[in-house]
Structure formats: structure tokens, C-alpha cells
Amino acid sequence: MLLPNPSTAPTATSGQGQQGSKWASVCCVVKGCQRSLLVVPQPDVFKDEDGSIALLEAEVKAEPGRKLELLKLLQERCSAVKAELREVLQRHGIRSFRMVPVKRSYAFEVPGVPHGEQWCLKVRYAATDPALPHGLTGTTFVAIFGANASCLESLVLKRGLKGPSWVRLREPKKVDYGNQISWCKQEWLLDSPKQLLCDPSHPSLAHRHPPPLTVASLSLKTVINPGNHQHEVQPG
């Protein structure tokens, strides 16, 4: 059973695993995580005045093999957005990335972002690269969503970790105690998030009982140090 642990880099989760007849604390370190951003372009970027995008979308539904034609058309329409994003990413030290048009729905209240289903750009790059500043906008785009999402949040959503649950680790590598980043009894390394499998209905997990857990509650009070104006824990 793995319980998300809000660590930064590298991305890690921790929980309990069975070691013979006993239970032991387990940490799972996941490499290869990526940041995933959604960039909302200016309304005119994918404006379909001639109906060519809608026509290709309908044809792709009937004939999925033509999806590449649709993507090629969308890539051409958003070439200016991609050029500006490429400059923005490189300016913030991000050299390797991938951009692809995707269709998403929006229902919140950020100014300039229309409600409903629309085409936008998904940008993916390594989680080890810097996060983009919050609230970034440009000449060709009105908003970037997910720029400051934590890598752990992305991992939990992508792998479907909906609360404490049993998971399977595919081809994990045992980390020697001297190289561990945690204080857990066991530590395992995964080269990709896809090796972390959450499937409660799997035969090896379906009838497993949850492990015993010890829970501690801490109550801390902080005060502002008048000398440096920093928050400090107040002694008992």
C-alpha cells in the first residue's frame, strides 16, 4: 500500500509492504516524470471559418486512420503559438519538449479563456526542468494551465492513485541502503511512471487486506521572529 508523500524531486511515494510475515515501510522513487501543460491560444488561432477543421474531425470519427491529417492541419494553424512557446521555454532553461494539439473543455473563470470544448496545445517536458512562472501569457496565447502543478500531483492523477490503495511495481530496482533518499526499510526505483500500476481488481491485489498503520498527530504553533521576520516553531 502506497501513500503519497509530498516530496519534490525526485518524485516518491511511501507506504507499507509485506516482508515475510511482517510489515515494513516502503518507499518507491519514480524517475522519468514529466510536466504536462495546457496552453490556451488566442481565439483566432483555431478559428474554423472555412469549416475544414470540423470536416476533418467528422471524417476522423468515421475513419480514425485519418487522425494524422487532422493533427497536421492543427499544427499548421498553431505554428505561431509553437514558435512563441519555444522561445518562452528556452528562455526558462527548458531545451527538450513536445507540443501537440489536444481538445479540452473549460468551465472556470480565468479571463480570456472561453468556456466549453476547444483546441489547445499540450506541452510536455521533463519534471527535472524548471516550472514556468504562474500567470504567464503571450502574444499568441492567453493562459497556461498546469505550469505549477507538482510532479507528485501529476503522477497521482496519471496513474489513478485515488487515495490509499495497493499498487504493483513492474520491474522495480532495489536501492541499496546507503543510496536511499528515505528512512524506509525498503526503497525501490522505477525508471518510468508506467511501471507503477494501480489496479485494485488485479488477482494479486483484489483480496488483500490493508496493512496495520500507526498514525501520529502533531500540533505546532508558529511565531514571527522579530529579528528576521521569519515564521518559527514556538517552543512548548
C-alpha atoms as a PDB file:
ATOM      1  CA  MET A   1       0.000   0.000   0.000  1.00  0.00           C
ATOM      2  CA  LEU A   2       1.493   3.345  -1.036  1.00  0.00           C
ATOM      3  CA  LEU A   3       0.505   6.658   0.487  1.00  0.00           C
ATOM      4  CA  PRO A   4       1.503   9.788  -1.444  1.00  0.00           C
ATOM      5  CA  ASN A   5       4.310  11.729   0.179  1.00  0.00           C
ATOM      6  CA  PRO A   6       4.570  15.363  -0.977  1.00  0.00           C
ATOM      7  CA  SER A   7       8.298  15.349  -1.750  1.00  0.00           C
ATOM      8  CA  THR A   8       9.739  17.446  -4.517  1.00  0.00           C
ATOM      9  CA  ALA A   9      12.430  15.907  -6.727  1.00  0.00           C
ATOM     10  CA  PRO A  10      12.769  13.045  -7.213  1.00  0.00           C
ATOM     11  CA  THR A  11       9.107  12.061  -7.138  1.00  0.00           C
ATOM     12  CA  ALA A  12       8.450   9.457  -4.457  1.00  0.00           C
ATOM     13  CA  THR A  13       5.611   7.695  -2.681  1.00  0.00           C
ATOM     14  CA  SER A  14       5.766   5.787   0.587  1.00  0.00           C
ATOM     15  CA  GLY A  15       3.675   3.218   2.411  1.00  0.00           C
ATOM     16  CA  GLN A  16       3.727  -0.362   3.678  1.00  0.00           C
ATOM     17  CA  GLY A  17       4.721  -3.664   2.117  1.00  0.00           C
ATOM     18  CA  GLN A  18       4.874  -7.239   3.373  1.00  0.00           C
ATOM     19  CA  GLN A  19       8.298  -8.659   4.195  1.00  0.00           C
ATOM     20  CA  GLY A  20       7.814 -12.312   5.020  1.00  0.00           C
ATOM     21  CA  SER A  21       5.309 -12.482   7.878  1.00  0.00           C
ATOM     22  CA  LYS A  22       5.944  -8.877   8.918  1.00  0.00           C
ATOM     23  CA  TRP A  23       5.208  -5.446   7.508  1.00  0.00           C
ATOM     24  CA  ALA A  24       7.883  -2.943   6.531  1.00  0.00           C
ATOM     25  CA  SER A  25       7.906   0.674   5.422  1.00  0.00           C
ATOM     26  CA  VAL A  26       8.461   1.039   1.678  1.00  0.00           C
ATOM     27  CA  CYS A  27       9.485   3.993  -0.468  1.00  0.00           C
ATOM     28  CA  CYS A  28       9.070   3.995  -4.247  1.00  0.00           C
ATOM     29  CA  VAL A  29      11.135   6.523  -6.224  1.00  0.00           C
ATOM     30  CA  VAL A  30       9.791   7.233  -9.719  1.00  0.00           C
ATOM     31  CA  LYS A  31      12.083   8.576 -12.441  1.00  0.00           C
ATOM     32  CA  GLY A  32      11.058   9.858 -15.862  1.00  0.00           C
ATOM     33  CA  CYS A  33       8.152  12.008 -14.653  1.00  0.00           C
ATOM     34  CA  GLN A  34       7.090  14.858 -16.929  1.00  0.00           C
ATOM     35  CA  ARG A  35       5.374  18.193 -16.526  1.00  0.00           C
ATOM     36  CA  SER A  36       2.187  18.484 -18.570  1.00  0.00           C
ATOM     37  CA  LEU A  37       0.926  21.967 -19.507  1.00  0.00           C
ATOM     38  CA  LEU A  38      -2.165  23.043 -21.408  1.00  0.00           C
ATOM     39  CA  VAL A  39      -1.698  26.234 -23.402  1.00  0.00           C
ATOM     40  CA  VAL A  40      -4.843  28.101 -24.481  1.00  0.00           C
ATOM     41  CA  PRO A  41      -4.198  30.006 -27.742  1.00  0.00           C
ATOM     42  CA  GLN A  42      -5.785  33.259 -28.838  1.00  0.00           C
ATOM     43  CA  PRO A  43      -9.333  32.636 -30.197  1.00  0.00           C
ATOM     44  CA  ASP A  44      -8.327  33.279 -33.811  1.00  0.00           C
ATOM     45  CA  VAL A  45      -5.641  30.549 -33.874  1.00  0.00           C
ATOM     46  CA  PHE A  46      -8.072  27.661 -34.363  1.00  0.00           C
ATOM     47  CA  LYS A  47     -10.924  29.767 -35.745  1.00  0.00           C
ATOM     48  CA  ASP A  48     -12.597  27.494 -38.289  1.00  0.00           C
ATOM     49  CA  GLU A  49     -14.124  29.951 -40.759  1.00  0.00           C
ATOM     50  CA  ASP A  50     -13.908  27.592 -43.755  1.00  0.00           C
ATOM     51  CA  GLY A  51     -15.079  24.559 -41.741  1.00  0.00           C
ATOM     52  CA  SER A  52     -12.013  22.484 -42.656  1.00  0.00           C
ATOM     53  CA  ILE A  53     -11.227  21.512 -39.053  1.00  0.00           C
ATOM     54  CA  ALA A  54     -14.821  20.464 -38.302  1.00  0.00           C
ATOM     55  CA  LEU A  55     -14.940  18.487 -41.564  1.00  0.00           C
ATOM     56  CA  LEU A  56     -11.738  16.592 -40.777  1.00  0.00           C
ATOM     57  CA  GLU A  57     -12.917  15.932 -37.205  1.00  0.00           C
ATOM     58  CA  ALA A  58     -16.089  14.307 -38.563  1.00  0.00           C
ATOM     59  CA  GLU A  59     -14.074  12.249 -41.045  1.00  0.00           C
ATOM     60  CA  VAL A  60     -11.677  11.086 -38.307  1.00  0.00           C
ATOM     61  CA  LYS A  61     -14.626   9.831 -36.226  1.00  0.00           C
ATOM     62  CA  ALA A  62     -15.715   7.700 -39.176  1.00  0.00           C
ATOM     63  CA  GLU A  63     -12.169   6.775 -40.200  1.00  0.00           C
ATOM     64  CA  PRO A  64      -9.667   7.010 -37.262  1.00  0.00           C
ATOM     65  CA  GLY A  65      -6.737   6.332 -39.585  1.00  0.00           C
ATOM     66  CA  ARG A  66      -7.011   9.911 -40.858  1.00  0.00           C
ATOM     67  CA  LYS A  67      -6.139  11.426 -37.483  1.00  0.00           C
ATOM     68  CA  LEU A  68      -2.664  12.389 -38.729  1.00  0.00           C
ATOM     69  CA  GLU A  69      -4.262  14.612 -41.389  1.00  0.00           C
ATOM     70  CA  LEU A  70      -6.196  16.455 -38.685  1.00  0.00           C
ATOM     71  CA  LEU A  71      -3.119  16.861 -36.493  1.00  0.00           C
ATOM     72  CA  LYS A  72      -1.102  18.169 -39.450  1.00  0.00           C
ATOM     73  CA  LEU A  73      -3.752  20.819 -40.158  1.00  0.00           C
ATOM     74  CA  LEU A  74      -3.891  21.834 -36.487  1.00  0.00           C
ATOM     75  CA  GLN A  75      -0.087  22.014 -36.278  1.00  0.00           C
ATOM     76  CA  GLU A  76      -0.076  24.384 -39.261  1.00  0.00           C
ATOM     77  CA  ARG A  77      -2.747  26.599 -37.692  1.00  0.00           C
ATOM     78  CA  CYS A  78      -0.846  26.938 -34.406  1.00  0.00           C
ATOM     79  CA  SER A  79       2.673  27.363 -35.840  1.00  0.00           C
ATOM     80  CA  ALA A  80       2.948  30.919 -34.450  1.00  0.00           C
ATOM     81  CA  VAL A  81       1.919  29.715 -30.972  1.00  0.00           C
ATOM     82  CA  LYS A  82       4.522  26.954 -31.089  1.00  0.00           C
ATOM     83  CA  ALA A  83       7.219  29.409 -32.151  1.00  0.00           C
ATOM     84  CA  GLU A  84       6.440  31.748 -29.247  1.00  0.00           C
ATOM     85  CA  LEU A  85       6.226  28.867 -26.759  1.00  0.00           C
ATOM     86  CA  ARG A  86       9.549  27.503 -27.994  1.00  0.00           C
ATOM     87  CA  GLU A  87      11.144  30.867 -27.242  1.00  0.00           C
ATOM     88  CA  VAL A  88       9.476  31.050 -23.806  1.00  0.00           C
ATOM     89  CA  LEU A  89      10.539  27.527 -22.838  1.00  0.00           C
ATOM     90  CA  GLN A  90      14.130  28.008 -23.947  1.00  0.00           C
ATOM     91  CA  ARG A  91      14.308  31.342 -22.123  1.00  0.00           C
ATOM     92  CA  HIS A  92      13.448  29.473 -18.901  1.00  0.00           C
ATOM     93  CA  GLY A  93      16.099  26.801 -19.439  1.00  0.00           C
ATOM     94  CA  ILE A  94      13.869  24.123 -20.984  1.00  0.00           C
ATOM     95  CA  ARG A  95      15.589  22.649 -24.048  1.00  0.00           C
ATOM     96  CA  SER A  96      13.715  19.434 -24.755  1.00  0.00           C
ATOM     97  CA  PHE A  97       9.911  19.376 -25.017  1.00  0.00           C
ATOM     98  CA  ARG A  98       6.997  18.119 -27.095  1.00  0.00           C
ATOM     99  CA  MET A  99       3.915  20.055 -28.250  1.00  0.00           C
ATOM    100  CA  VAL A 100       0.734  18.529 -29.655  1.00  0.00           C
ATOM    101  CA  PRO A 101      -2.799  19.920 -30.244  1.00  0.00           C
ATOM    102  CA  VAL A 102      -5.478  18.395 -27.993  1.00  0.00           C
ATOM    103  CA  LYS A 103      -9.157  19.120 -27.410  1.00  0.00           C
ATOM    104  CA  ARG A 104     -10.223  20.017 -23.868  1.00  0.00           C
ATOM    105  CA  SER A 105     -13.233  21.540 -22.095  1.00  0.00           C
ATOM    106  CA  TYR A 106     -13.044  24.531 -19.752  1.00  0.00           C
ATOM    107  CA  ALA A 107     -15.627  25.590 -17.160  1.00  0.00           C
ATOM    108  CA  PHE A 108     -13.928  28.066 -14.828  1.00  0.00           C
ATOM    109  CA  GLU A 109     -13.475  31.833 -14.692  1.00  0.00           C
ATOM    110  CA  VAL A 110      -9.999  32.783 -15.932  1.00  0.00           C
ATOM    111  CA  PRO A 111     -10.382  35.976 -18.023  1.00  0.00           C
ATOM    112  CA  GLY A 112      -9.889  35.449 -21.737  1.00  0.00           C
ATOM    113  CA  VAL A 113     -10.419  31.686 -21.666  1.00  0.00           C
ATOM    114  CA  PRO A 114     -13.707  30.733 -23.362  1.00  0.00           C
ATOM    115  CA  HIS A 115     -15.981  28.126 -21.799  1.00  0.00           C
ATOM    116  CA  GLY A 116     -16.685  24.789 -23.434  1.00  0.00           C
ATOM    117  CA  GLU A 117     -14.738  22.435 -25.693  1.00  0.00           C
ATOM    118  CA  GLN A 118     -11.817  23.909 -27.613  1.00  0.00           C
ATOM    119  CA  TRP A 119      -8.461  23.097 -29.171  1.00  0.00           C
ATOM    120  CA  CYS A 120      -5.339  23.922 -27.189  1.00  0.00           C
ATOM    121  CA  LEU A 121      -1.698  22.835 -27.068  1.00  0.00           C
ATOM    122  CA  LYS A 122      -0.394  20.204 -24.675  1.00  0.00           C
ATOM    123  CA  VAL A 123       3.267  20.757 -23.783  1.00  0.00           C
ATOM    124  CA  ARG A 124       5.276  18.023 -22.070  1.00  0.00           C
ATOM    125  CA  TYR A 125       8.831  18.212 -20.757  1.00  0.00           C
ATOM    126  CA  ALA A 126      10.985  16.580 -18.085  1.00  0.00           C
ATOM    127  CA  ALA A 127       9.994  17.220 -14.474  1.00  0.00           C
ATOM    128  CA  THR A 128      13.655  17.877 -13.693  1.00  0.00           C
ATOM    129  CA  ASP A 129      13.445  21.096 -15.765  1.00  0.00           C
ATOM    130  CA  PRO A 130      12.178  24.345 -14.162  1.00  0.00           C
ATOM    131  CA  ALA A 131       8.491  25.182 -13.805  1.00  0.00           C
ATOM    132  CA  LEU A 132       7.209  28.165 -15.772  1.00  0.00           C
ATOM    133  CA  PRO A 133       6.086  31.285 -13.847  1.00  0.00           C
ATOM    134  CA  HIS A 134       2.471  31.466 -12.702  1.00  0.00           C
ATOM    135  CA  GLY A 135       0.111  33.567 -14.837  1.00  0.00           C
ATOM    136  CA  LEU A 136       2.317  33.595 -17.929  1.00  0.00           C
ATOM    137  CA  THR A 137       0.654  34.929 -21.102  1.00  0.00           C
ATOM    138  CA  GLY A 138       1.902  35.838 -24.559  1.00  0.00           C
ATOM    139  CA  THR A 139       1.057  37.420 -27.883  1.00  0.00           C
ATOM    140  CA  THR A 140      -0.416  34.201 -29.305  1.00  0.00           C
ATOM    141  CA  PHE A 141      -1.765  32.541 -26.131  1.00  0.00           C
ATOM    142  CA  VAL A 142      -3.987  33.694 -23.262  1.00  0.00           C
ATOM    143  CA  ALA A 143      -3.224  31.188 -20.486  1.00  0.00           C
ATOM    144  CA  ILE A 144      -1.073  28.249 -19.428  1.00  0.00           C
ATOM    145  CA  PHE A 145      -2.626  25.669 -17.095  1.00  0.00           C
ATOM    146  CA  GLY A 146      -0.622  23.184 -15.018  1.00  0.00           C
ATOM    147  CA  ALA A 147       2.618  25.173 -15.018  1.00  0.00           C
ATOM    148  CA  ASN A 148       2.972  24.934 -11.231  1.00  0.00           C
ATOM    149  CA  ALA A 149       1.418  21.513 -10.652  1.00  0.00           C
ATOM    150  CA  SER A 150       3.690  19.331  -8.525  1.00  0.00           C
ATOM    151  CA  CYS A 151       5.217  16.228 -10.056  1.00  0.00           C
ATOM    152  CA  LEU A 152       3.559  14.132  -7.353  1.00  0.00           C
ATOM    153  CA  GLU A 153       0.140  15.551  -8.259  1.00  0.00           C
ATOM    154  CA  SER A 154       0.719  14.696 -11.923  1.00  0.00           C
ATOM    155  CA  LEU A 155       1.845  11.169 -11.013  1.00  0.00           C
ATOM    156  CA  VAL A 156      -1.193  10.546  -8.787  1.00  0.00           C
ATOM    157  CA  LEU A 157      -3.635  11.745 -11.463  1.00  0.00           C
ATOM    158  CA  LYS A 158      -1.915   9.992 -14.358  1.00  0.00           C
ATOM    159  CA  ARG A 159      -1.620   6.617 -12.608  1.00  0.00           C
ATOM    160  CA  GLY A 160      -5.070   6.749 -10.993  1.00  0.00           C
ATOM    161  CA  LEU A 161      -3.964   6.663  -7.352  1.00  0.00           C
ATOM    162  CA  LYS A 162      -7.320   7.576  -5.809  1.00  0.00           C
ATOM    163  CA  GLY A 163      -6.449   7.505  -2.139  1.00  0.00           C
ATOM    164  CA  PRO A 164      -4.526   4.808  -0.223  1.00  0.00           C
ATOM    165  CA  SER A 165      -4.569   1.568  -2.208  1.00  0.00           C
ATOM    166  CA  TRP A 166      -2.487  -1.414  -3.194  1.00  0.00           C
ATOM    167  CA  VAL A 167      -0.267  -0.952  -6.211  1.00  0.00           C
ATOM    168  CA  ARG A 168       2.032  -3.181  -8.243  1.00  0.00           C
ATOM    169  CA  LEU A 169       5.597  -2.270  -9.201  1.00  0.00           C
ATOM    170  CA  ARG A 170       6.716  -3.623 -12.570  1.00  0.00           C
ATOM    171  CA  GLU A 171      10.431  -4.412 -12.847  1.00  0.00           C
ATOM    172  CA  PRO A 172      11.488  -2.349  -9.816  1.00  0.00           C
ATOM    173  CA  LYS A 173      15.159  -1.979  -8.886  1.00  0.00           C
ATOM    174  CA  LYS A 174      16.205  -2.407  -5.257  1.00  0.00           C
ATOM    175  CA  VAL A 175      18.040   0.625  -3.879  1.00  0.00           C
ATOM    176  CA  ASP A 176      20.971  -0.143  -1.574  1.00  0.00           C
ATOM    177  CA  TYR A 177      20.503   1.263   1.914  1.00  0.00           C
ATOM    178  CA  GLY A 178      23.463   3.629   1.572  1.00  0.00           C
ATOM    179  CA  ASN A 179      21.919   5.205  -1.538  1.00  0.00           C
ATOM    180  CA  GLN A 180      18.383   5.628  -0.205  1.00  0.00           C
ATOM    181  CA  ILE A 181      16.715   9.042  -0.122  1.00  0.00           C
ATOM    182  CA  SER A 182      14.260   7.900   2.581  1.00  0.00           C
ATOM    183  CA  TRP A 183      14.348   6.320   6.037  1.00  0.00           C
ATOM    184  CA  CYS A 184      12.125   3.434   4.919  1.00  0.00           C
ATOM    185  CA  LYS A 185      13.158  -0.192   5.463  1.00  0.00           C
ATOM    186  CA  GLN A 186      12.899  -0.822   1.719  1.00  0.00           C
ATOM    187  CA  GLU A 187      13.368   1.501  -1.228  1.00  0.00           C
ATOM    188  CA  TRP A 188      12.636   0.679  -4.871  1.00  0.00           C
ATOM    189  CA  LEU A 189      13.399   2.598  -8.050  1.00  0.00           C
ATOM    190  CA  LEU A 190      11.163   2.768 -11.139  1.00  0.00           C
ATOM    191  CA  ASP A 191      12.537   4.134 -14.423  1.00  0.00           C
ATOM    192  CA  SER A 192       9.095   5.227 -15.638  1.00  0.00           C
ATOM    193  CA  PRO A 193       5.725   6.193 -14.116  1.00  0.00           C
ATOM    194  CA  LYS A 194       4.173   3.472 -16.309  1.00  0.00           C
ATOM    195  CA  GLN A 195       5.820   0.872 -14.052  1.00  0.00           C
ATOM    196  CA  LEU A 196       3.564   1.985 -11.174  1.00  0.00           C
ATOM    197  CA  LEU A 197       0.328   0.050 -11.670  1.00  0.00           C
ATOM    198  CA  CYS A 198      -2.856   0.785  -9.736  1.00  0.00           C
ATOM    199  CA  ASP A 199      -5.446  -1.910 -10.449  1.00  0.00           C
ATOM    200  CA  PRO A 200      -7.451  -2.961  -7.348  1.00  0.00           C
ATOM    201  CA  SER A 201      -9.230  -5.685  -9.350  1.00  0.00           C
ATOM    202  CA  HIS A 202      -5.972  -7.462 -10.262  1.00  0.00           C
ATOM    203  CA  PRO A 203      -5.940 -11.056  -8.904  1.00  0.00           C
ATOM    204  CA  SER A 204      -2.847 -10.390  -6.790  1.00  0.00           C
ATOM    205  CA  LEU A 205      -4.462  -7.359  -5.108  1.00  0.00           C
ATOM    206  CA  ALA A 206      -8.214  -7.955  -5.064  1.00  0.00           C
ATOM    207  CA  HIS A 207      -8.370  -9.864  -1.753  1.00  0.00           C
ATOM    208  CA  ARG A 208      -5.513  -8.252   0.130  1.00  0.00           C
ATOM    209  CA  HIS A 209      -6.303  -6.686   3.477  1.00  0.00           C
ATOM    210  CA  PRO A 210      -4.850  -3.259   4.317  1.00  0.00           C
ATOM    211  CA  PRO A 211      -1.698  -3.271   6.455  1.00  0.00           C
ATOM    212  CA  PRO A 212      -1.630  -2.044  10.066  1.00  0.00           C
ATOM    213  CA  LEU A 213      -0.842   1.656  10.253  1.00  0.00           C
ATOM    214  CA  THR A 214       0.365   3.793  13.139  1.00  0.00           C
ATOM    215  CA  VAL A 215      -0.854   7.378  12.957  1.00  0.00           C
ATOM    216  CA  ALA A 216       0.712  10.291  14.826  1.00  0.00           C
ATOM    217  CA  SER A 217      -0.802  13.755  15.110  1.00  0.00           C
ATOM    218  CA  LEU A 218       1.381  16.827  15.632  1.00  0.00           C
ATOM    219  CA  SER A 219       0.136  20.246  16.682  1.00  0.00           C
ATOM    220  CA  LEU A 220       2.598  23.065  16.017  1.00  0.00           C
ATOM    221  CA  LYS A 221       2.346  26.762  16.791  1.00  0.00           C
ATOM    222  CA  THR A 222       4.474  29.299  14.940  1.00  0.00           C
ATOM    223  CA  VAL A 223       5.516  32.830  15.826  1.00  0.00           C
ATOM    224  CA  ILE A 224       7.241  35.526  13.769  1.00  0.00           C
ATOM    225  CA  ASN A 225      10.829  36.178  14.776  1.00  0.00           C
ATOM    226  CA  PRO A 226      11.100  39.994  15.164  1.00  0.00           C
ATOM    227  CA  GLY A 227      14.743  39.877  14.089  1.00  0.00           C
ATOM    228  CA  ASN A 228      14.406  38.200  10.698  1.00  0.00           C
ATOM    229  CA  HIS A 229      10.599  38.327  10.213  1.00  0.00           C
ATOM    230  CA  GLN A 230      10.514  34.566   9.576  1.00  0.00           C
ATOM    231  CA  HIS A 231       7.990  32.054  10.948  1.00  0.00           C
ATOM    232  CA  GLU A 232       9.474  29.803  13.647  1.00  0.00           C
ATOM    233  CA  VAL A 233       8.058  26.933  15.683  1.00  0.00           C
ATOM    234  CA  GLN A 234       7.106  28.142  19.150  1.00  0.00           C
ATOM    235  CA  PRO A 235       8.759  26.110  21.955  1.00  0.00           C
ATOM    236  CA  GLY A 236       6.372  24.238  24.249  1.00  0.00           C
END
